Amino acid sequence: MSDSAAEQAPTRLLVVRHGESNVTVNRQIGGPLTCSGLSDLGRQQAQRLRDRVAAGELPAVDEIWASTMPRAQETALIVNEALELELQIERDFEEFRPGQADGMLFVEYIDQYGMIDQMAEPYKDLSPGGESRATFFLRVGQAFDELVRTRAGKTIMVVCHGGVIDVVFRRLLNLHSEAAFQLWTTNTSVSEFITTSHGPPRQWRLGRYNDASHLHGLPAGTNVETT
Protein backbone atom coordinates (compact mmCIF):
# COMPACT_ATOMS: atom_id res chain seq x y z
CA MET A 1 0.00 0.00 0.00
CA SER A 2 1.36 3.44 -0.93
CA ASP A 3 1.74 6.16 1.69
CA SER A 4 -1.10 8.13 0.10
CA ALA A 5 -3.39 5.09 0.11
CA ALA A 6 -2.56 4.40 3.78
CA GLU A 7 -3.49 8.00 4.60
CA GLN A 8 -6.91 7.54 2.96
CA ALA A 9 -7.74 4.12 4.42
CA PRO A 10 -9.18 3.96 7.93
CA THR A 11 -7.21 2.29 10.68
CA ARG A 12 -9.14 -0.54 12.35
CA LEU A 13 -8.32 -1.97 15.74
CA LEU A 14 -9.96 -5.26 16.72
CA VAL A 15 -9.44 -6.07 20.39
CA VAL A 16 -10.33 -9.59 21.49
CA ARG A 17 -10.54 -10.78 25.06
CA HIS A 18 -8.86 -14.16 25.57
CA GLY A 19 -10.92 -17.33 26.10
CA GLU A 20 -11.89 -18.57 29.53
CA SER A 21 -8.71 -19.30 31.47
CA ASN A 22 -7.70 -21.92 33.99
CA VAL A 23 -7.06 -19.22 36.58
CA THR A 24 -10.62 -17.95 36.20
CA VAL A 25 -11.98 -21.46 36.71
CA ASN A 26 -9.73 -21.85 39.76
CA ARG A 27 -10.75 -18.43 41.15
CA GLN A 28 -7.12 -17.31 41.14
CA ILE A 29 -5.41 -14.02 40.41
CA GLY A 30 -3.58 -14.98 37.25
CA GLY A 31 -0.39 -13.05 36.73
CA PRO A 32 2.75 -14.05 34.81
CA LEU A 33 3.76 -16.62 37.44
CA THR A 34 0.42 -18.42 37.56
CA CYS A 35 -1.39 -18.22 34.23
CA SER A 36 -1.47 -21.66 32.59
CA GLY A 37 -3.56 -20.91 29.54
CA LEU A 38 -7.11 -21.76 28.55
CA SER A 39 -9.69 -24.07 30.05
CA ASP A 40 -11.42 -26.62 27.83
CA LEU A 41 -14.27 -24.16 27.39
CA GLY A 42 -11.81 -21.38 26.62
CA ARG A 43 -10.37 -23.42 23.76
CA GLN A 44 -13.86 -24.04 22.39
CA GLN A 45 -14.55 -20.30 22.54
CA ALA A 46 -11.34 -19.55 20.64
CA GLN A 47 -12.16 -22.20 18.04
CA ARG A 48 -15.58 -20.63 17.51
CA LEU A 49 -13.95 -17.27 16.88
CA ARG A 50 -11.38 -18.89 14.55
CA ASP A 51 -14.20 -20.39 12.50
CA ARG A 52 -15.94 -17.05 12.31
CA VAL A 53 -12.75 -15.39 11.07
CA ALA A 54 -12.28 -18.18 8.51
CA ALA A 55 -15.83 -17.58 7.24
CA GLY A 56 -14.97 -13.95 6.50
CA GLU A 57 -17.38 -12.49 9.05
CA LEU A 58 -14.83 -9.98 10.36
CA PRO A 59 -12.68 -7.43 8.51
CA ALA A 60 -9.55 -8.81 6.86
CA VAL A 61 -6.68 -8.58 9.35
CA ASP A 62 -3.19 -7.33 8.44
CA GLU A 63 -1.48 -8.08 11.77
CA ILE A 64 -2.29 -10.14 14.86
CA TRP A 65 -0.83 -9.38 18.27
CA ALA A 66 -1.14 -10.89 21.74
CA SER A 67 0.02 -10.12 25.23
CA THR A 68 2.69 -12.32 26.78
CA MET A 69 0.14 -14.07 29.02
CA PRO A 70 -0.43 -17.76 28.10
CA ARG A 71 -4.22 -17.34 28.02
CA ALA A 72 -3.91 -14.56 25.43
CA GLN A 73 -1.24 -16.29 23.36
CA GLU A 74 -3.14 -19.58 23.26
CA THR A 75 -6.29 -17.79 22.13
CA ALA A 76 -4.36 -15.91 19.45
CA LEU A 77 -2.67 -19.06 18.16
CA ILE A 78 -6.05 -20.75 17.69
CA VAL A 79 -7.57 -17.73 15.93
CA ASN A 80 -4.44 -17.38 13.81
CA GLU A 81 -5.09 -20.82 12.29
CA ALA A 82 -7.57 -18.92 10.09
CA LEU A 83 -5.28 -15.93 9.44
CA GLU A 84 -1.86 -17.58 9.01
CA LEU A 85 -0.01 -14.41 9.99
CA GLU A 86 3.08 -13.94 12.12
CA LEU A 87 1.90 -13.70 15.73
CA GLN A 88 3.51 -10.67 17.36
CA ILE A 89 3.86 -10.43 21.15
CA GLU A 90 3.82 -7.31 23.31
CA ARG A 91 4.41 -7.40 27.06
CA ASP A 92 2.66 -4.07 27.64
CA PHE A 93 -0.64 -5.57 26.47
CA GLU A 94 -0.73 -7.66 29.68
CA GLU A 95 -3.52 -7.42 32.24
CA PHE A 96 -2.96 -5.72 35.63
CA ARG A 97 0.32 -6.94 37.08
CA PRO A 98 -0.62 -8.33 40.50
CA GLY A 99 2.78 -8.41 42.16
CA GLN A 100 2.84 -10.57 45.29
CA ALA A 101 -0.85 -11.42 44.81
CA ASP A 102 0.00 -13.51 41.74
CA GLY A 103 -1.55 -16.96 42.20
CA MET A 104 -3.61 -16.14 45.27
CA LEU A 105 -7.22 -17.25 45.40
CA PHE A 106 -9.56 -14.26 45.26
CA VAL A 107 -10.86 -15.04 48.75
CA GLU A 108 -7.29 -15.17 50.07
CA TYR A 109 -6.52 -11.84 48.44
CA ILE A 110 -9.53 -10.16 50.07
CA ASP A 111 -8.64 -11.65 53.46
CA GLN A 112 -5.09 -10.27 53.21
CA TYR A 113 -5.50 -6.98 51.36
CA GLY A 114 -9.20 -6.18 51.50
CA MET A 115 -11.36 -5.10 48.59
CA ILE A 116 -9.63 -2.21 46.82
CA ASP A 117 -11.91 0.35 45.19
CA GLN A 118 -9.71 1.12 42.20
CA MET A 119 -11.93 3.98 41.04
CA ALA A 120 -11.71 5.69 44.44
CA GLU A 121 -8.04 4.76 44.99
CA PRO A 122 -6.43 4.86 41.53
CA TYR A 123 -2.89 5.16 42.93
CA LYS A 124 -3.06 2.21 45.32
CA ASP A 125 -1.11 -0.86 44.16
CA LEU A 126 -2.97 -4.18 44.04
CA SER A 127 -0.28 -5.65 46.27
CA PRO A 128 3.45 -5.08 46.89
CA GLY A 129 5.19 -5.15 43.52
CA GLY A 130 1.90 -4.83 41.66
CA GLU A 131 0.32 -2.02 39.68
CA SER A 132 -2.20 0.63 40.56
CA ARG A 133 -5.02 1.59 38.22
CA ALA A 134 -3.09 4.73 37.28
CA THR A 135 0.14 2.93 36.36
CA PHE A 136 -1.84 0.27 34.48
CA PHE A 137 -3.67 2.89 32.42
CA LEU A 138 -0.42 4.68 31.62
CA ARG A 139 1.34 1.49 30.48
CA VAL A 140 -1.51 0.20 28.32
CA GLY A 141 -2.44 3.62 26.92
CA GLN A 142 1.10 4.32 25.79
CA ALA A 143 1.44 0.88 24.20
CA PHE A 144 -1.74 1.23 22.14
CA ASP A 145 -0.96 4.82 21.18
CA GLU A 146 2.31 3.58 19.71
CA LEU A 147 0.64 0.64 17.96
CA VAL A 148 -1.98 2.67 16.10
CA ARG A 149 0.39 5.57 15.42
CA THR A 150 2.75 3.32 13.47
CA ARG A 151 0.09 1.35 11.59
CA ALA A 152 -2.14 3.91 9.91
CA GLY A 153 -4.45 2.37 7.33
CA LYS A 154 -4.07 -1.19 8.65
CA THR A 155 -6.43 -3.55 10.42
CA ILE A 156 -4.83 -4.90 13.58
CA MET A 157 -6.16 -7.61 15.87
CA VAL A 158 -4.92 -7.63 19.47
CA VAL A 159 -5.78 -10.55 21.73
CA CYS A 160 -5.56 -9.27 25.27
CA HIS A 161 -7.57 -8.86 28.48
CA GLY A 162 -10.73 -7.32 29.91
CA GLY A 163 -8.89 -4.60 31.80
CA VAL A 164 -6.83 -3.74 28.74
CA ILE A 165 -9.97 -3.41 26.63
CA ASP A 166 -11.38 -1.04 29.25
CA VAL A 167 -8.31 1.21 28.82
CA VAL A 168 -8.55 1.08 25.01
CA PHE A 169 -12.27 1.91 25.13
CA ARG A 170 -11.71 4.96 27.30
CA ARG A 171 -8.54 6.11 25.52
CA LEU A 172 -9.75 5.93 21.91
CA LEU A 173 -13.20 7.34 22.64
CA ASN A 174 -11.67 10.16 24.72
CA LEU A 175 -13.47 9.19 27.93
CA HIS A 176 -12.06 10.02 31.35
CA SER A 177 -10.15 7.13 32.93
CA GLU A 178 -12.24 7.54 36.09
CA ALA A 179 -15.61 8.00 34.36
CA ALA A 180 -18.17 6.18 36.46
CA PHE A 181 -19.04 3.18 34.33
CA GLN A 182 -17.75 -0.37 34.06
CA LEU A 183 -17.33 -2.68 31.09
CA TRP A 184 -17.90 -6.41 31.34
CA THR A 185 -16.21 -7.87 28.28
CA THR A 186 -17.05 -11.46 27.35
CA ASN A 187 -14.35 -14.06 26.66
CA THR A 188 -13.34 -14.07 22.96
CA SER A 189 -15.68 -11.18 22.18
CA VAL A 190 -14.57 -8.70 19.52
CA SER A 191 -14.60 -4.93 19.94
CA GLU A 192 -13.77 -2.74 16.94
CA PHE A 193 -12.52 0.83 16.73
CA ILE A 194 -12.23 2.67 13.40
CA THR A 195 -10.59 5.99 12.61
CA THR A 196 -12.85 8.66 11.17
CA SER A 197 -9.89 11.01 10.60
CA HIS A 198 -6.13 10.72 10.84
CA GLY A 199 -5.82 14.09 12.52
CA PRO A 200 -4.23 15.65 14.24
CA PRO A 201 -6.11 14.96 16.37
CA ARG A 202 -6.98 11.43 15.24
CA GLN A 203 -10.64 10.60 15.92
CA TRP A 204 -12.16 7.16 16.43
CA ARG A 205 -15.62 5.67 16.40
CA LEU A 206 -16.82 2.47 18.02
CA GLY A 207 -17.71 -0.10 15.36
CA ARG A 208 -18.77 -2.82 17.78
CA TYR A 209 -18.35 -3.72 21.41
CA ASN A 210 -18.49 -7.19 23.01
CA ASP A 211 -19.52 -8.99 19.82
CA ALA A 212 -19.68 -12.63 20.93
CA SER A 213 -22.30 -14.05 18.58
CA HIS A 214 -20.01 -17.00 17.84
CA LEU A 215 -20.52 -18.28 21.40
CA HIS A 216 -24.20 -19.12 20.87
CA GLY A 217 -24.98 -22.49 22.43
CA LEU A 218 -21.88 -22.64 24.64
CA PRO A 219 -22.19 -22.37 28.43
CA ALA A 220 -21.39 -19.00 29.95
CA GLY A 221 -18.61 -20.51 32.02
CA THR A 222 -17.15 -23.74 33.36
CA ASN A 223 -19.30 -25.11 36.16
CA VAL A 224 -16.99 -25.93 39.05
CA GLU A 225 -18.62 -28.00 41.77
CA THR A 226 -17.74 -27.05 45.31
CA THR A 227 -17.71 -29.38 48.29
C-alpha atoms as a PDB file:
ATOM      1  CA  MET A   1       0.000   0.000   0.000  1.00  0.00           C
ATOM      2  CA  SER A   2       1.363   3.435  -0.926  1.00  0.00           C
ATOM      3  CA  ASP A   3       1.743   6.165   1.687  1.00  0.00           C
ATOM      4  CA  SER A   4      -1.098   8.130   0.105  1.00  0.00           C
ATOM      5  CA  ALA A   5      -3.393   5.089   0.113  1.00  0.00           C
ATOM      6  CA  ALA A   6      -2.559   4.405   3.778  1.00  0.00           C
ATOM      7  CA  GLU A   7      -3.489   7.995   4.596  1.00  0.00           C
ATOM      8  CA  GLN A   8      -6.907   7.535   2.961  1.00  0.00           C
ATOM      9  CA  ALA A   9      -7.737   4.116   4.423  1.00  0.00           C
ATOM     10  CA  PRO A  10      -9.182   3.962   7.935  1.00  0.00           C
ATOM     11  CA  THR A  11      -7.211   2.289  10.684  1.00  0.00           C
ATOM     12  CA  ARG A  12      -9.139  -0.542  12.353  1.00  0.00           C
ATOM     13  CA  LEU A  13      -8.316  -1.970  15.743  1.00  0.00           C
ATOM     14  CA  LEU A  14      -9.962  -5.262  16.721  1.00  0.00           C
ATOM     15  CA  VAL A  15      -9.439  -6.068  20.388  1.00  0.00           C
ATOM     16  CA  VAL A  16     -10.327  -9.591  21.487  1.00  0.00           C
ATOM     17  CA  ARG A  17     -10.543 -10.777  25.058  1.00  0.00           C
ATOM     18  CA  HIS A  18      -8.864 -14.163  25.575  1.00  0.00           C
ATOM     19  CA  GLY A  19     -10.923 -17.325  26.098  1.00  0.00           C
ATOM     20  CA  GLU A  20     -11.893 -18.570  29.526  1.00  0.00           C
ATOM     21  CA  SER A  21      -8.709 -19.305  31.468  1.00  0.00           C
ATOM     22  CA  ASN A  22      -7.696 -21.922  33.994  1.00  0.00           C
ATOM     23  CA  VAL A  23      -7.058 -19.223  36.580  1.00  0.00           C
ATOM     24  CA  THR A  24     -10.622 -17.953  36.196  1.00  0.00           C
ATOM     25  CA  VAL A  25     -11.983 -21.456  36.713  1.00  0.00           C
ATOM     26  CA  ASN A  26      -9.733 -21.851  39.756  1.00  0.00           C
ATOM     27  CA  ARG A  27     -10.746 -18.428  41.151  1.00  0.00           C
ATOM     28  CA  GLN A  28      -7.115 -17.311  41.141  1.00  0.00           C
ATOM     29  CA  ILE A  29      -5.411 -14.020  40.409  1.00  0.00           C
ATOM     30  CA  GLY A  30      -3.585 -14.981  37.249  1.00  0.00           C
ATOM     31  CA  GLY A  31      -0.389 -13.055  36.731  1.00  0.00           C
ATOM     32  CA  PRO A  32       2.745 -14.051  34.814  1.00  0.00           C
ATOM     33  CA  LEU A  33       3.760 -16.623  37.438  1.00  0.00           C
ATOM     34  CA  THR A  34       0.417 -18.423  37.563  1.00  0.00           C
ATOM     35  CA  CYS A  35      -1.388 -18.216  34.225  1.00  0.00           C
ATOM     36  CA  SER A  36      -1.467 -21.664  32.587  1.00  0.00           C
ATOM     37  CA  GLY A  37      -3.565 -20.910  29.536  1.00  0.00           C
ATOM     38  CA  LEU A  38      -7.110 -21.763  28.549  1.00  0.00           C
ATOM     39  CA  SER A  39      -9.687 -24.067  30.049  1.00  0.00           C
ATOM     40  CA  ASP A  40     -11.418 -26.622  27.826  1.00  0.00           C
ATOM     41  CA  LEU A  41     -14.275 -24.159  27.385  1.00  0.00           C
ATOM     42  CA  GLY A  42     -11.806 -21.385  26.620  1.00  0.00           C
ATOM     43  CA  ARG A  43     -10.365 -23.416  23.762  1.00  0.00           C
ATOM     44  CA  GLN A  44     -13.860 -24.039  22.392  1.00  0.00           C
ATOM     45  CA  GLN A  45     -14.554 -20.304  22.537  1.00  0.00           C
ATOM     46  CA  ALA A  46     -11.341 -19.545  20.643  1.00  0.00           C
ATOM     47  CA  GLN A  47     -12.161 -22.198  18.036  1.00  0.00           C
ATOM     48  CA  ARG A  48     -15.575 -20.630  17.507  1.00  0.00           C
ATOM     49  CA  LEU A  49     -13.946 -17.266  16.878  1.00  0.00           C
ATOM     50  CA  ARG A  50     -11.380 -18.886  14.547  1.00  0.00           C
ATOM     51  CA  ASP A  51     -14.202 -20.389  12.495  1.00  0.00           C
ATOM     52  CA  ARG A  52     -15.944 -17.047  12.314  1.00  0.00           C
ATOM     53  CA  VAL A  53     -12.750 -15.387  11.066  1.00  0.00           C
ATOM     54  CA  ALA A  54     -12.284 -18.182   8.510  1.00  0.00           C
ATOM     55  CA  ALA A  55     -15.825 -17.578   7.239  1.00  0.00           C
ATOM     56  CA  GLY A  56     -14.966 -13.945   6.502  1.00  0.00           C
ATOM     57  CA  GLU A  57     -17.382 -12.492   9.051  1.00  0.00           C
ATOM     58  CA  LEU A  58     -14.835  -9.979  10.362  1.00  0.00           C
ATOM     59  CA  PRO A  59     -12.681  -7.425   8.510  1.00  0.00           C
ATOM     60  CA  ALA A  60      -9.547  -8.811   6.865  1.00  0.00           C
ATOM     61  CA  VAL A  61      -6.679  -8.584   9.355  1.00  0.00           C
ATOM     62  CA  ASP A  62      -3.193  -7.326   8.443  1.00  0.00           C
ATOM     63  CA  GLU A  63      -1.477  -8.083  11.773  1.00  0.00           C
ATOM     64  CA  ILE A  64      -2.289 -10.138  14.857  1.00  0.00           C
ATOM     65  CA  TRP A  65      -0.831  -9.379  18.268  1.00  0.00           C
ATOM     66  CA  ALA A  66      -1.143 -10.895  21.736  1.00  0.00           C
ATOM     67  CA  SER A  67       0.023 -10.123  25.228  1.00  0.00           C
ATOM     68  CA  THR A  68       2.689 -12.321  26.783  1.00  0.00           C
ATOM     69  CA  MET A  69       0.144 -14.071  29.016  1.00  0.00           C
ATOM     70  CA  PRO A  70      -0.427 -17.763  28.101  1.00  0.00           C
ATOM     71  CA  ARG A  71      -4.223 -17.337  28.022  1.00  0.00           C
ATOM     72  CA  ALA A  72      -3.911 -14.564  25.432  1.00  0.00           C
ATOM     73  CA  GLN A  73      -1.240 -16.289  23.364  1.00  0.00           C
ATOM     74  CA  GLU A  74      -3.136 -19.584  23.264  1.00  0.00           C
ATOM     75  CA  THR A  75      -6.295 -17.790  22.128  1.00  0.00           C
ATOM     76  CA  ALA A  76      -4.358 -15.911  19.449  1.00  0.00           C
ATOM     77  CA  LEU A  77      -2.674 -19.064  18.158  1.00  0.00           C
ATOM     78  CA  ILE A  78      -6.048 -20.751  17.690  1.00  0.00           C
ATOM     79  CA  VAL A  79      -7.566 -17.728  15.934  1.00  0.00           C
ATOM     80  CA  ASN A  80      -4.440 -17.380  13.808  1.00  0.00           C
ATOM     81  CA  GLU A  81      -5.089 -20.817  12.294  1.00  0.00           C
ATOM     82  CA  ALA A  82      -7.566 -18.917  10.091  1.00  0.00           C
ATOM     83  CA  LEU A  83      -5.277 -15.934   9.436  1.00  0.00           C
ATOM     84  CA  GLU A  84      -1.856 -17.582   9.015  1.00  0.00           C
ATOM     85  CA  LEU A  85      -0.008 -14.406   9.988  1.00  0.00           C
ATOM     86  CA  GLU A  86       3.079 -13.936  12.119  1.00  0.00           C
ATOM     87  CA  LEU A  87       1.899 -13.698  15.726  1.00  0.00           C
ATOM     88  CA  GLN A  88       3.513 -10.673  17.364  1.00  0.00           C
ATOM     89  CA  ILE A  89       3.859 -10.430  21.152  1.00  0.00           C
ATOM     90  CA  GLU A  90       3.817  -7.306  23.307  1.00  0.00           C
ATOM     91  CA  ARG A  91       4.412  -7.403  27.065  1.00  0.00           C
ATOM     92  CA  ASP A  92       2.660  -4.071  27.641  1.00  0.00           C
ATOM     93  CA  PHE A  93      -0.643  -5.573  26.471  1.00  0.00           C
ATOM     94  CA  GLU A  94      -0.732  -7.657  29.681  1.00  0.00           C
ATOM     95  CA  GLU A  95      -3.525  -7.419  32.236  1.00  0.00           C
ATOM     96  CA  PHE A  96      -2.961  -5.721  35.629  1.00  0.00           C
ATOM     97  CA  ARG A  97       0.325  -6.939  37.078  1.00  0.00           C
ATOM     98  CA  PRO A  98      -0.622  -8.330  40.499  1.00  0.00           C
ATOM     99  CA  GLY A  99       2.782  -8.413  42.162  1.00  0.00           C
ATOM    100  CA  GLN A 100       2.838 -10.571  45.294  1.00  0.00           C
ATOM    101  CA  ALA A 101      -0.852 -11.424  44.813  1.00  0.00           C
ATOM    102  CA  ASP A 102      -0.004 -13.511  41.736  1.00  0.00           C
ATOM    103  CA  GLY A 103      -1.546 -16.955  42.195  1.00  0.00           C
ATOM    104  CA  MET A 104      -3.610 -16.140  45.269  1.00  0.00           C
ATOM    105  CA  LEU A 105      -7.224 -17.249  45.403  1.00  0.00           C
ATOM    106  CA  PHE A 106      -9.563 -14.259  45.265  1.00  0.00           C
ATOM    107  CA  VAL A 107     -10.861 -15.039  48.752  1.00  0.00           C
ATOM    108  CA  GLU A 108      -7.292 -15.175  50.068  1.00  0.00           C
ATOM    109  CA  TYR A 109      -6.522 -11.843  48.443  1.00  0.00           C
ATOM    110  CA  ILE A 110      -9.529 -10.162  50.066  1.00  0.00           C
ATOM    111  CA  ASP A 111      -8.640 -11.647  53.460  1.00  0.00           C
ATOM    112  CA  GLN A 112      -5.087 -10.271  53.212  1.00  0.00           C
ATOM    113  CA  TYR A 113      -5.496  -6.979  51.358  1.00  0.00           C
ATOM    114  CA  GLY A 114      -9.197  -6.183  51.497  1.00  0.00           C
ATOM    115  CA  MET A 115     -11.361  -5.099  48.591  1.00  0.00           C
ATOM    116  CA  ILE A 116      -9.626  -2.214  46.823  1.00  0.00           C
ATOM    117  CA  ASP A 117     -11.910   0.345  45.193  1.00  0.00           C
ATOM    118  CA  GLN A 118      -9.714   1.125  42.204  1.00  0.00           C
ATOM    119  CA  MET A 119     -11.930   3.978  41.043  1.00  0.00           C
ATOM    120  CA  ALA A 120     -11.706   5.691  44.439  1.00  0.00           C
ATOM    121  CA  GLU A 121      -8.039   4.762  44.989  1.00  0.00           C
ATOM    122  CA  PRO A 122      -6.430   4.863  41.526  1.00  0.00           C
ATOM    123  CA  TYR A 123      -2.889   5.162  42.934  1.00  0.00           C
ATOM    124  CA  LYS A 124      -3.062   2.213  45.320  1.00  0.00           C
ATOM    125  CA  ASP A 125      -1.112  -0.862  44.157  1.00  0.00           C
ATOM    126  CA  LEU A 126      -2.970  -4.178  44.036  1.00  0.00           C
ATOM    127  CA  SER A 127      -0.279  -5.652  46.274  1.00  0.00           C
ATOM    128  CA  PRO A 128       3.452  -5.078  46.893  1.00  0.00           C
ATOM    129  CA  GLY A 129       5.192  -5.150  43.525  1.00  0.00           C
ATOM    130  CA  GLY A 130       1.897  -4.831  41.657  1.00  0.00           C
ATOM    131  CA  GLU A 131       0.319  -2.023  39.678  1.00  0.00           C
ATOM    132  CA  SER A 132      -2.197   0.630  40.555  1.00  0.00           C
ATOM    133  CA  ARG A 133      -5.025   1.589  38.223  1.00  0.00           C
ATOM    134  CA  ALA A 134      -3.091   4.729  37.284  1.00  0.00           C
ATOM    135  CA  THR A 135       0.139   2.932  36.364  1.00  0.00           C
ATOM    136  CA  PHE A 136      -1.841   0.271  34.480  1.00  0.00           C
ATOM    137  CA  PHE A 137      -3.675   2.893  32.418  1.00  0.00           C
ATOM    138  CA  LEU A 138      -0.424   4.682  31.623  1.00  0.00           C
ATOM    139  CA  ARG A 139       1.337   1.491  30.484  1.00  0.00           C
ATOM    140  CA  VAL A 140      -1.507   0.200  28.321  1.00  0.00           C
ATOM    141  CA  GLY A 141      -2.442   3.615  26.922  1.00  0.00           C
ATOM    142  CA  GLN A 142       1.102   4.324  25.790  1.00  0.00           C
ATOM    143  CA  ALA A 143       1.435   0.877  24.195  1.00  0.00           C
ATOM    144  CA  PHE A 144      -1.743   1.229  22.137  1.00  0.00           C
ATOM    145  CA  ASP A 145      -0.957   4.824  21.182  1.00  0.00           C
ATOM    146  CA  GLU A 146       2.309   3.584  19.706  1.00  0.00           C
ATOM    147  CA  LEU A 147       0.636   0.636  17.963  1.00  0.00           C
ATOM    148  CA  VAL A 148      -1.983   2.669  16.101  1.00  0.00           C
ATOM    149  CA  ARG A 149       0.386   5.571  15.422  1.00  0.00           C
ATOM    150  CA  THR A 150       2.747   3.324  13.466  1.00  0.00           C
ATOM    151  CA  ARG A 151       0.088   1.349  11.589  1.00  0.00           C
ATOM    152  CA  ALA A 152      -2.137   3.905   9.911  1.00  0.00           C
ATOM    153  CA  GLY A 153      -4.451   2.367   7.334  1.00  0.00           C
ATOM    154  CA  LYS A 154      -4.065  -1.193   8.650  1.00  0.00           C
ATOM    155  CA  THR A 155      -6.434  -3.552  10.424  1.00  0.00           C
ATOM    156  CA  ILE A 156      -4.829  -4.899  13.578  1.00  0.00           C
ATOM    157  CA  MET A 157      -6.162  -7.610  15.865  1.00  0.00           C
ATOM    158  CA  VAL A 158      -4.924  -7.632  19.467  1.00  0.00           C
ATOM    159  CA  VAL A 159      -5.779 -10.552  21.733  1.00  0.00           C
ATOM    160  CA  CYS A 160      -5.564  -9.266  25.267  1.00  0.00           C
ATOM    161  CA  HIS A 161      -7.574  -8.859  28.483  1.00  0.00           C
ATOM    162  CA  GLY A 162     -10.726  -7.321  29.907  1.00  0.00           C
ATOM    163  CA  GLY A 163      -8.886  -4.598  31.802  1.00  0.00           C
ATOM    164  CA  VAL A 164      -6.826  -3.743  28.737  1.00  0.00           C
ATOM    165  CA  ILE A 165      -9.969  -3.411  26.630  1.00  0.00           C
ATOM    166  CA  ASP A 166     -11.378  -1.035  29.249  1.00  0.00           C
ATOM    167  CA  VAL A 167      -8.311   1.205  28.815  1.00  0.00           C
ATOM    168  CA  VAL A 168      -8.553   1.085  25.010  1.00  0.00           C
ATOM    169  CA  PHE A 169     -12.273   1.908  25.125  1.00  0.00           C
ATOM    170  CA  ARG A 170     -11.710   4.963  27.300  1.00  0.00           C
ATOM    171  CA  ARG A 171      -8.539   6.112  25.517  1.00  0.00           C
ATOM    172  CA  LEU A 172      -9.747   5.932  21.914  1.00  0.00           C
ATOM    173  CA  LEU A 173     -13.198   7.342  22.639  1.00  0.00           C
ATOM    174  CA  ASN A 174     -11.675  10.163  24.723  1.00  0.00           C
ATOM    175  CA  LEU A 175     -13.467   9.189  27.933  1.00  0.00           C
ATOM    176  CA  HIS A 176     -12.057  10.022  31.349  1.00  0.00           C
ATOM    177  CA  SER A 177     -10.154   7.134  32.928  1.00  0.00           C
ATOM    178  CA  GLU A 178     -12.239   7.536  36.094  1.00  0.00           C
ATOM    179  CA  ALA A 179     -15.609   8.003  34.363  1.00  0.00           C
ATOM    180  CA  ALA A 180     -18.171   6.181  36.465  1.00  0.00           C
ATOM    181  CA  PHE A 181     -19.039   3.179  34.327  1.00  0.00           C
ATOM    182  CA  GLN A 182     -17.746  -0.371  34.058  1.00  0.00           C
ATOM    183  CA  LEU A 183     -17.334  -2.683  31.091  1.00  0.00           C
ATOM    184  CA  TRP A 184     -17.900  -6.414  31.338  1.00  0.00           C
ATOM    185  CA  THR A 185     -16.213  -7.875  28.285  1.00  0.00           C
ATOM    186  CA  THR A 186     -17.048 -11.463  27.346  1.00  0.00           C
ATOM    187  CA  ASN A 187     -14.351 -14.057  26.665  1.00  0.00           C
ATOM    188  CA  THR A 188     -13.340 -14.075  22.955  1.00  0.00           C
ATOM    189  CA  SER A 189     -15.679 -11.184  22.181  1.00  0.00           C
ATOM    190  CA  VAL A 190     -14.574  -8.697  19.524  1.00  0.00           C
ATOM    191  CA  SER A 191     -14.599  -4.929  19.938  1.00  0.00           C
ATOM    192  CA  GLU A 192     -13.774  -2.744  16.938  1.00  0.00           C
ATOM    193  CA  PHE A 193     -12.515   0.828  16.726  1.00  0.00           C
ATOM    194  CA  ILE A 194     -12.227   2.670  13.401  1.00  0.00           C
ATOM    195  CA  THR A 195     -10.590   5.991  12.612  1.00  0.00           C
ATOM    196  CA  THR A 196     -12.849   8.665  11.175  1.00  0.00           C
ATOM    197  CA  SER A 197      -9.895  11.011  10.599  1.00  0.00           C
ATOM    198  CA  HIS A 198      -6.126  10.721  10.835  1.00  0.00           C
ATOM    199  CA  GLY A 199      -5.821  14.095  12.523  1.00  0.00           C
ATOM    200  CA  PRO A 200      -4.232  15.648  14.240  1.00  0.00           C
ATOM    201  CA  PRO A 201      -6.114  14.965  16.366  1.00  0.00           C
ATOM    202  CA  ARG A 202      -6.984  11.431  15.241  1.00  0.00           C
ATOM    203  CA  GLN A 203     -10.638  10.600  15.920  1.00  0.00           C
ATOM    204  CA  TRP A 204     -12.156   7.164  16.428  1.00  0.00           C
ATOM    205  CA  ARG A 205     -15.617   5.671  16.403  1.00  0.00           C
ATOM    206  CA  LEU A 206     -16.816   2.469  18.023  1.00  0.00           C
ATOM    207  CA  GLY A 207     -17.706  -0.096  15.359  1.00  0.00           C
ATOM    208  CA  ARG A 208     -18.767  -2.818  17.777  1.00  0.00           C
ATOM    209  CA  TYR A 209     -18.353  -3.717  21.414  1.00  0.00           C
ATOM    210  CA  ASN A 210     -18.486  -7.185  23.006  1.00  0.00           C
ATOM    211  CA  ASP A 211     -19.516  -8.992  19.823  1.00  0.00           C
ATOM    212  CA  ALA A 212     -19.680 -12.627  20.930  1.00  0.00           C
ATOM    213  CA  SER A 213     -22.303 -14.045  18.575  1.00  0.00           C
ATOM    214  CA  HIS A 214     -20.008 -17.000  17.842  1.00  0.00           C
ATOM    215  CA  LEU A 215     -20.524 -18.279  21.399  1.00  0.00           C
ATOM    216  CA  HIS A 216     -24.199 -19.119  20.866  1.00  0.00           C
ATOM    217  CA  GLY A 217     -24.978 -22.489  22.434  1.00  0.00           C
ATOM    218  CA  LEU A 218     -21.878 -22.639  24.640  1.00  0.00           C
ATOM    219  CA  PRO A 219     -22.191 -22.374  28.432  1.00  0.00           C
ATOM    220  CA  ALA A 220     -21.390 -19.003  29.945  1.00  0.00           C
ATOM    221  CA  GLY A 221     -18.610 -20.510  32.020  1.00  0.00           C
ATOM    222  CA  THR A 222     -17.149 -23.741  33.358  1.00  0.00           C
ATOM    223  CA  ASN A 223     -19.296 -25.113  36.163  1.00  0.00           C
ATOM    224  CA  VAL A 224     -16.991 -25.925  39.048  1.00  0.00           C
ATOM    225  CA  GLU A 225     -18.617 -28.003  41.766  1.00  0.00           C
ATOM    226  CA  THR A 226     -17.741 -27.045  45.306  1.00  0.00           C
ATOM    227  CA  THR A 227     -17.709 -29.376  48.294  1.00  0.00           C
END
